[in-house]
Amino acid sequence: HHDPLSGNLFVFCGRTRRLLKVLYWERNGFCLWTKRLEQDKYPWPLTGEDVKRIDRRQMKMLLTGIDFFHAHREKKYKYIT
């Protein structure tokens, strides 16, 4: 449901979660970038419903294998008097 010509990066992960593919549009055609892990697996949502929009920082974390999908959220507390 997204425009592939928008300039956004579209990231896909293989079934074994060892291969990551990034597809994006550059002025005159599509570019495909791949990275395969020799050991370990990429952290990846288990279902299509878990697909998320990520920012630049999260993309960098994903490429290095950091699982931000299941990271703890910062707790916020209220001070009650």
N, C-alpha and C. Protein backbone atom coordinates (compact mmCIF):
# COMPACT_ATOMS: atom_id res chain seq x y z
N HIS A 1 0.82 -1.20 0.00
CA HIS A 1 0.00 0.00 0.00
C HIS A 1 0.86 1.26 0.00
N HIS A 2 2.15 1.13 -0.24
CA HIS A 2 3.05 2.27 -0.24
C HIS A 2 3.60 2.48 -1.65
N ASP A 3 3.95 3.71 -1.94
CA ASP A 3 4.48 4.06 -3.26
C ASP A 3 5.94 3.64 -3.37
N PRO A 4 6.28 2.70 -4.23
CA PRO A 4 7.67 2.26 -4.35
C PRO A 4 8.59 3.32 -4.96
N LEU A 5 8.03 4.35 -5.58
CA LEU A 5 8.84 5.41 -6.18
C LEU A 5 9.06 6.58 -5.21
N SER A 6 8.66 6.44 -3.97
CA SER A 6 8.71 7.52 -2.99
C SER A 6 10.11 7.83 -2.49
N GLY A 7 11.05 6.93 -2.70
CA GLY A 7 12.40 7.13 -2.16
C GLY A 7 12.60 6.44 -0.82
N ASN A 8 11.52 5.87 -0.28
CA ASN A 8 11.64 5.12 0.98
C ASN A 8 12.37 3.81 0.74
N LEU A 9 12.97 3.29 1.79
CA LEU A 9 13.61 1.98 1.74
C LEU A 9 12.57 0.93 2.12
N PHE A 10 12.52 -0.14 1.36
CA PHE A 10 11.64 -1.26 1.67
C PHE A 10 12.54 -2.43 2.04
N VAL A 11 12.40 -2.92 3.26
CA VAL A 11 13.29 -3.95 3.79
C VAL A 11 12.54 -5.27 3.91
N PHE A 12 13.14 -6.33 3.40
CA PHE A 12 12.56 -7.66 3.43
C PHE A 12 13.56 -8.62 4.03
N CYS A 13 13.07 -9.63 4.70
CA CYS A 13 13.93 -10.62 5.33
C CYS A 13 13.54 -11.99 4.81
N GLY A 14 14.54 -12.83 4.56
CA GLY A 14 14.30 -14.18 4.08
C GLY A 14 13.66 -15.06 5.14
N ARG A 15 13.15 -16.19 4.72
CA ARG A 15 12.46 -17.11 5.62
C ARG A 15 13.36 -17.58 6.77
N THR A 16 14.64 -17.78 6.49
CA THR A 16 15.56 -18.24 7.53
C THR A 16 16.08 -17.10 8.39
N ARG A 17 15.72 -15.87 8.05
CA ARG A 17 16.14 -14.64 8.74
C ARG A 17 17.65 -14.43 8.72
N ARG A 18 18.33 -14.97 7.72
CA ARG A 18 19.76 -14.75 7.57
C ARG A 18 20.08 -13.79 6.43
N LEU A 19 19.10 -13.52 5.57
CA LEU A 19 19.29 -12.66 4.41
C LEU A 19 18.34 -11.47 4.50
N LEU A 20 18.91 -10.29 4.35
CA LEU A 20 18.14 -9.05 4.40
C LEU A 20 18.25 -8.38 3.04
N LYS A 21 17.13 -7.92 2.49
CA LYS A 21 17.13 -7.23 1.20
C LYS A 21 16.51 -5.85 1.38
N VAL A 22 17.14 -4.86 0.79
CA VAL A 22 16.64 -3.49 0.84
C VAL A 22 16.41 -3.03 -0.60
N LEU A 23 15.18 -2.60 -0.86
CA LEU A 23 14.81 -2.15 -2.20
C LEU A 23 14.42 -0.68 -2.14
N TYR A 24 14.93 0.11 -3.05
CA TYR A 24 14.57 1.53 -3.11
C TYR A 24 14.71 2.05 -4.53
N TRP A 25 14.03 3.14 -4.79
CA TRP A 25 14.04 3.79 -6.10
C TRP A 25 15.09 4.88 -6.11
N GLU A 26 15.94 4.87 -7.12
CA GLU A 26 16.89 5.95 -7.33
C GLU A 26 16.54 6.55 -8.68
N ARG A 27 16.78 7.79 -8.89
CA ARG A 27 16.32 8.58 -10.04
C ARG A 27 15.87 7.81 -11.27
N ASN A 28 16.61 6.80 -11.71
CA ASN A 28 16.27 6.15 -12.98
C ASN A 28 16.06 4.64 -12.87
N GLY A 29 15.90 4.13 -11.66
CA GLY A 29 15.65 2.69 -11.53
C GLY A 29 15.70 2.22 -10.09
N PHE A 30 15.33 0.97 -9.90
CA PHE A 30 15.34 0.38 -8.57
C PHE A 30 16.73 -0.11 -8.22
N CYS A 31 17.07 -0.02 -6.95
CA CYS A 31 18.32 -0.55 -6.42
C CYS A 31 17.98 -1.64 -5.42
N LEU A 32 18.74 -2.72 -5.44
CA LEU A 32 18.55 -3.81 -4.50
C LEU A 32 19.86 -4.05 -3.78
N TRP A 33 19.79 -4.01 -2.47
CA TRP A 33 20.96 -4.19 -1.63
C TRP A 33 20.70 -5.39 -0.74
N THR A 34 21.67 -6.29 -0.61
CA THR A 34 21.47 -7.46 0.23
C THR A 34 22.61 -7.62 1.23
N LYS A 35 22.29 -8.21 2.36
CA LYS A 35 23.30 -8.54 3.37
C LYS A 35 22.92 -9.88 3.95
N ARG A 36 23.88 -10.81 3.98
CA ARG A 36 23.64 -12.15 4.52
C ARG A 36 24.52 -12.35 5.73
N LEU A 37 23.94 -12.85 6.79
CA LEU A 37 24.69 -13.16 8.00
C LEU A 37 25.27 -14.57 7.89
N GLU A 38 26.53 -14.72 8.23
CA GLU A 38 27.16 -16.03 8.22
C GLU A 38 26.71 -16.83 9.44
N GLN A 39 26.53 -16.15 10.56
CA GLN A 39 26.07 -16.79 11.80
C GLN A 39 24.97 -15.93 12.37
N ASP A 40 24.11 -16.56 13.15
CA ASP A 40 23.02 -15.86 13.82
C ASP A 40 21.90 -15.50 12.84
N LYS A 41 20.89 -14.79 13.33
CA LYS A 41 19.75 -14.40 12.51
C LYS A 41 19.39 -12.95 12.80
N TYR A 42 18.75 -12.33 11.82
CA TYR A 42 18.27 -10.97 12.02
C TYR A 42 17.04 -10.98 12.93
N PRO A 43 16.94 -9.99 13.81
CA PRO A 43 15.69 -9.85 14.56
C PRO A 43 14.62 -9.39 13.58
N TRP A 44 13.47 -10.02 13.59
CA TRP A 44 12.46 -9.69 12.59
C TRP A 44 11.08 -10.00 13.16
N PRO A 45 10.08 -9.17 12.84
CA PRO A 45 8.71 -9.45 13.30
C PRO A 45 8.25 -10.82 12.80
N LEU A 46 7.49 -11.51 13.63
CA LEU A 46 7.06 -12.86 13.28
C LEU A 46 5.90 -12.91 12.31
N THR A 47 5.07 -11.86 12.29
CA THR A 47 3.91 -11.86 11.39
C THR A 47 3.87 -10.57 10.59
N GLY A 48 3.07 -10.58 9.54
CA GLY A 48 2.90 -9.39 8.71
C GLY A 48 2.25 -8.25 9.46
N GLU A 49 1.45 -8.58 10.47
CA GLU A 49 0.79 -7.54 11.26
C GLU A 49 1.78 -6.77 12.13
N ASP A 50 2.94 -7.38 12.37
CA ASP A 50 3.96 -6.74 13.20
C ASP A 50 4.88 -5.80 12.43
N VAL A 51 4.65 -5.67 11.12
CA VAL A 51 5.49 -4.82 10.28
C VAL A 51 5.41 -3.38 10.78
N LYS A 52 6.58 -2.73 10.84
CA LYS A 52 6.64 -1.38 11.39
C LYS A 52 7.44 -0.46 10.49
N ARG A 53 7.18 0.80 10.66
CA ARG A 53 8.00 1.83 10.02
C ARG A 53 9.15 2.10 10.99
N ILE A 54 10.39 2.12 10.48
CA ILE A 54 11.54 2.34 11.34
C ILE A 54 12.30 3.58 10.88
N ASP A 55 13.03 4.17 11.80
CA ASP A 55 13.82 5.36 11.47
C ASP A 55 15.26 4.95 11.15
N ARG A 56 16.07 5.93 10.85
CA ARG A 56 17.46 5.70 10.46
C ARG A 56 18.26 4.98 11.54
N ARG A 57 18.05 5.39 12.79
CA ARG A 57 18.77 4.79 13.92
C ARG A 57 18.39 3.32 14.06
N GLN A 58 17.10 3.02 13.93
CA GLN A 58 16.65 1.63 14.05
C GLN A 58 17.15 0.79 12.88
N MET A 59 17.25 1.38 11.68
CA MET A 59 17.78 0.66 10.53
C MET A 59 19.22 0.27 10.77
N LYS A 60 19.99 1.18 11.34
CA LYS A 60 21.39 0.89 11.65
C LYS A 60 21.48 -0.23 12.69
N MET A 61 20.59 -0.20 13.68
CA MET A 61 20.56 -1.24 14.69
C MET A 61 20.20 -2.58 14.06
N LEU A 62 19.23 -2.59 13.16
CA LEU A 62 18.81 -3.81 12.48
C LEU A 62 19.97 -4.42 11.70
N LEU A 63 20.72 -3.59 10.98
CA LEU A 63 21.83 -4.09 10.17
C LEU A 63 22.96 -4.66 11.02
N THR A 64 23.06 -4.22 12.27
CA THR A 64 24.10 -4.76 13.16
C THR A 64 23.56 -5.90 14.02
N GLY A 65 22.27 -6.24 13.87
CA GLY A 65 21.71 -7.38 14.57
C GLY A 65 21.07 -7.07 15.91
N ILE A 66 20.92 -5.80 16.26
CA ILE A 66 20.30 -5.44 17.53
C ILE A 66 18.79 -5.56 17.40
N ASP A 67 18.17 -6.26 18.33
CA ASP A 67 16.73 -6.52 18.28
C ASP A 67 15.96 -5.40 18.98
N PHE A 68 15.65 -4.35 18.25
CA PHE A 68 14.87 -3.24 18.82
C PHE A 68 13.39 -3.55 18.78
N PHE A 69 12.98 -4.57 18.03
CA PHE A 69 11.57 -4.94 17.95
C PHE A 69 11.04 -5.38 19.32
N HIS A 70 11.90 -6.02 20.11
CA HIS A 70 11.49 -6.53 21.41
C HIS A 70 12.21 -5.81 22.55
N ALA A 71 12.72 -4.65 22.28
CA ALA A 71 13.43 -3.89 23.32
C ALA A 71 12.44 -3.40 24.38
N HIS A 72 12.95 -3.21 25.56
CA HIS A 72 12.11 -2.69 26.65
C HIS A 72 11.79 -1.23 26.39
N ARG A 73 10.59 -0.87 26.64
CA ARG A 73 10.18 0.53 26.52
C ARG A 73 10.56 1.26 27.80
N GLU A 74 10.87 2.53 27.65
CA GLU A 74 11.19 3.34 28.82
C GLU A 74 9.93 3.50 29.68
N LYS A 75 10.09 3.24 30.95
CA LYS A 75 8.96 3.37 31.87
C LYS A 75 8.82 4.81 32.28
N LYS A 76 7.60 5.26 32.37
CA LYS A 76 7.33 6.63 32.79
C LYS A 76 6.46 6.56 34.04
N TYR A 77 6.88 7.27 35.04
CA TYR A 77 6.18 7.26 36.31
C TYR A 77 5.58 8.63 36.58
N LYS A 78 4.46 8.63 37.27
CA LYS A 78 3.84 9.89 37.69
C LYS A 78 4.16 10.08 39.16
N TYR A 79 4.43 11.31 39.49
CA TYR A 79 4.67 11.66 40.89
C TYR A 79 3.35 12.08 41.48
N ILE A 80 2.87 11.33 42.45
CA ILE A 80 1.59 11.63 43.08
C ILE A 80 1.85 12.17 44.48
N THR A 81 1.27 13.31 44.76
CA THR A 81 1.45 13.91 46.08
C THR A 81 0.27 13.69 46.96
